[in-house]
Each structure stands twice: as C-alpha cells, then as structure tokens.
C-alpha cells in the first residue's frame, strides 16, 4: 500500500504495512535497543530495535523516527512510546 501523508487513512496504512512486514519476525527476540536523541529537534530522535532469531536467519532492525516522546524506563512495566 502506498499512501499520501495528508490522507485520512495514511497512519492506518503505514501501521498495516509495518504489521505485515514484521509478521515474519514474530519468533525473533530483542537483541538491542538504541535511542539517538537530538537536543535541537525532537523530530530527529530515532529509536532502533535489533531483532535476532539466530545464525540461520537474517537480523532485522526496526527504526522509528519522528518520535514525540520516548519513556523506556517509566514507572509502568516496559517501554512507552507516545
């Protein structure tokens, strides 16, 4: 699916595309998480998640950008992305 950023369903389409792409990684485990924070422009913040299955499968890196807020160690359990 290709969408226009201004289209009403653009976010839904991007989420659907990501879910379809990552479906093959369901049995992978998180090997590493990296947060690159920009103090000048928070839209340049990126969160990279490395997924690994083993030597017989390729590693996968999920890179999230244009984040508004990241709370990896909040008072609740697990990371919180807003």
C-alpha atoms as a PDB file:
ATOM      1  CA  UNK A   1       0.000   0.000   0.000  1.00  0.00           C
ATOM      2  CA  UNK A   2       1.178   3.481  -0.806  1.00  0.00           C
ATOM      3  CA  UNK A   3      -0.416   6.470   0.858  1.00  0.00           C
ATOM      4  CA  UNK A   4      -0.303  10.233   0.828  1.00  0.00           C
ATOM      5  CA  UNK A   5       0.827  11.692   4.169  1.00  0.00           C
ATOM      6  CA  UNK A   6      -2.181  14.015   4.259  1.00  0.00           C
ATOM      7  CA  UNK A   7      -4.730  11.269   3.568  1.00  0.00           C
ATOM      8  CA  UNK A   8      -7.085  10.426   6.451  1.00  0.00           C
ATOM      9  CA  UNK A   9      -6.060   6.743   6.409  1.00  0.00           C
ATOM     10  CA  UNK A  10      -2.310   7.367   5.932  1.00  0.00           C
ATOM     11  CA  UNK A  11      -1.387   6.411   9.519  1.00  0.00           C
ATOM     12  CA  UNK A  12      -3.595   3.315   9.399  1.00  0.00           C
ATOM     13  CA  UNK A  13      -1.975   2.244   6.109  1.00  0.00           C
ATOM     14  CA  UNK A  14       1.541   2.692   7.494  1.00  0.00           C
ATOM     15  CA  UNK A  15       0.676   0.650  10.586  1.00  0.00           C
ATOM     16  CA  UNK A  16      -0.864  -2.097   8.438  1.00  0.00           C
ATOM     17  CA  UNK A  17       2.236  -2.164   6.207  1.00  0.00           C
ATOM     18  CA  UNK A  18       4.519  -2.407   9.245  1.00  0.00           C
ATOM     19  CA  UNK A  19       2.448  -5.226  10.770  1.00  0.00           C
ATOM     20  CA  UNK A  20       2.556  -7.211   7.512  1.00  0.00           C
ATOM     21  CA  UNK A  21       6.303  -6.684   7.145  1.00  0.00           C
ATOM     22  CA  UNK A  22       7.130  -7.608  10.748  1.00  0.00           C
ATOM     23  CA  UNK A  23       4.821 -10.640  10.876  1.00  0.00           C
ATOM     24  CA  UNK A  24       7.709 -12.888   9.799  1.00  0.00           C
ATOM     25  CA  UNK A  25       9.703 -11.723  12.875  1.00  0.00           C
ATOM     26  CA  UNK A  26       7.181 -12.958  15.429  1.00  0.00           C
ATOM     27  CA  UNK A  27       9.579 -15.546  16.928  1.00  0.00           C
ATOM     28  CA  UNK A  28      12.609 -13.213  16.991  1.00  0.00           C
ATOM     29  CA  UNK A  29      13.895 -11.774  20.272  1.00  0.00           C
ATOM     30  CA  UNK A  30      15.070  -8.238  21.017  1.00  0.00           C
ATOM     31  CA  UNK A  31      18.842  -8.192  21.000  1.00  0.00           C
ATOM     32  CA  UNK A  32      19.431  -4.458  21.475  1.00  0.00           C
ATOM     33  CA  UNK A  33      17.596  -1.124  21.684  1.00  0.00           C
ATOM     34  CA  UNK A  34      19.256   2.180  20.836  1.00  0.00           C
ATOM     35  CA  UNK A  35      17.882   5.689  21.320  1.00  0.00           C
ATOM     36  CA  UNK A  36      19.508   8.578  19.444  1.00  0.00           C
ATOM     37  CA  UNK A  37      18.196  11.805  20.945  1.00  0.00           C
ATOM     38  CA  UNK A  38      18.541  15.171  19.272  1.00  0.00           C
ATOM     39  CA  UNK A  39      18.549  18.098  21.684  1.00  0.00           C
ATOM     40  CA  UNK A  40      17.913  20.554  18.852  1.00  0.00           C
ATOM     41  CA  UNK A  41      14.915  18.984  17.123  1.00  0.00           C
ATOM     42  CA  UNK A  42      12.962  16.193  18.767  1.00  0.00           C
ATOM     43  CA  UNK A  43      11.624  15.134  15.358  1.00  0.00           C
ATOM     44  CA  UNK A  44      15.145  13.864  14.613  1.00  0.00           C
ATOM     45  CA  UNK A  45      15.014  11.415  17.542  1.00  0.00           C
ATOM     46  CA  UNK A  46      15.282   7.770  16.464  1.00  0.00           C
ATOM     47  CA  UNK A  47      14.702   4.525  18.288  1.00  0.00           C
ATOM     48  CA  UNK A  48      16.307   1.418  16.758  1.00  0.00           C
ATOM     49  CA  UNK A  49      15.333  -2.099  17.828  1.00  0.00           C
ATOM     50  CA  UNK A  50      17.537  -5.008  16.717  1.00  0.00           C
ATOM     51  CA  UNK A  51      15.710  -8.334  16.384  1.00  0.00           C
ATOM     52  CA  UNK A  52      17.528 -11.666  16.189  1.00  0.00           C
ATOM     53  CA  UNK A  53      16.460 -15.242  15.555  1.00  0.00           C
ATOM     54  CA  UNK A  54      19.821 -16.969  15.235  1.00  0.00           C
ATOM     55  CA  UNK A  55      22.658 -17.511  12.782  1.00  0.00           C
ATOM     56  CA  UNK A  56      20.378 -19.189  10.227  1.00  0.00           C
ATOM     57  CA  UNK A  57      18.046 -16.167   9.882  1.00  0.00           C
ATOM     58  CA  UNK A  58      18.942 -12.567   8.999  1.00  0.00           C
ATOM     59  CA  UNK A  59      18.848  -9.970  11.769  1.00  0.00           C
ATOM     60  CA  UNK A  60      16.201  -7.253  11.485  1.00  0.00           C
ATOM     61  CA  UNK A  61      16.450  -3.619  12.596  1.00  0.00           C
ATOM     62  CA  UNK A  62      13.254  -1.659  13.212  1.00  0.00           C
ATOM     63  CA  UNK A  63      13.964   2.067  13.133  1.00  0.00           C
ATOM     64  CA  UNK A  64      11.378   4.531  14.420  1.00  0.00           C
ATOM     65  CA  UNK A  65      11.794   8.249  13.783  1.00  0.00           C
ATOM     66  CA  UNK A  66       9.874  11.483  14.248  1.00  0.00           C
ATOM     67  CA  UNK A  67       9.022  10.445  17.814  1.00  0.00           C
ATOM     68  CA  UNK A  68       7.347  12.897  20.141  1.00  0.00           C
ATOM     69  CA  UNK A  69       8.351  11.184  23.345  1.00  0.00           C
ATOM     70  CA  UNK A  70      10.133   8.007  24.471  1.00  0.00           C
ATOM     71  CA  UNK A  71       9.941   6.710  28.031  1.00  0.00           C
ATOM     72  CA  UNK A  72      11.892   3.420  28.009  1.00  0.00           C
ATOM     73  CA  UNK A  73      12.053   3.006  31.782  1.00  0.00           C
ATOM     74  CA  UNK A  74       8.906   4.602  33.116  1.00  0.00           C
ATOM     75  CA  UNK A  75       7.106   3.728  36.311  1.00  0.00           C
ATOM     76  CA  UNK A  76       4.978   1.236  34.370  1.00  0.00           C
ATOM     77  CA  UNK A  77       6.460  -2.003  33.013  1.00  0.00           C
ATOM     78  CA  UNK A  78       8.051  -1.888  29.575  1.00  0.00           C
ATOM     79  CA  UNK A  79       8.857   0.971  27.187  1.00  0.00           C
ATOM     80  CA  UNK A  80       6.312   3.690  26.482  1.00  0.00           C
ATOM     81  CA  UNK A  81       6.264   5.472  23.119  1.00  0.00           C
ATOM     82  CA  UNK A  82       3.993   8.433  22.571  1.00  0.00           C
END
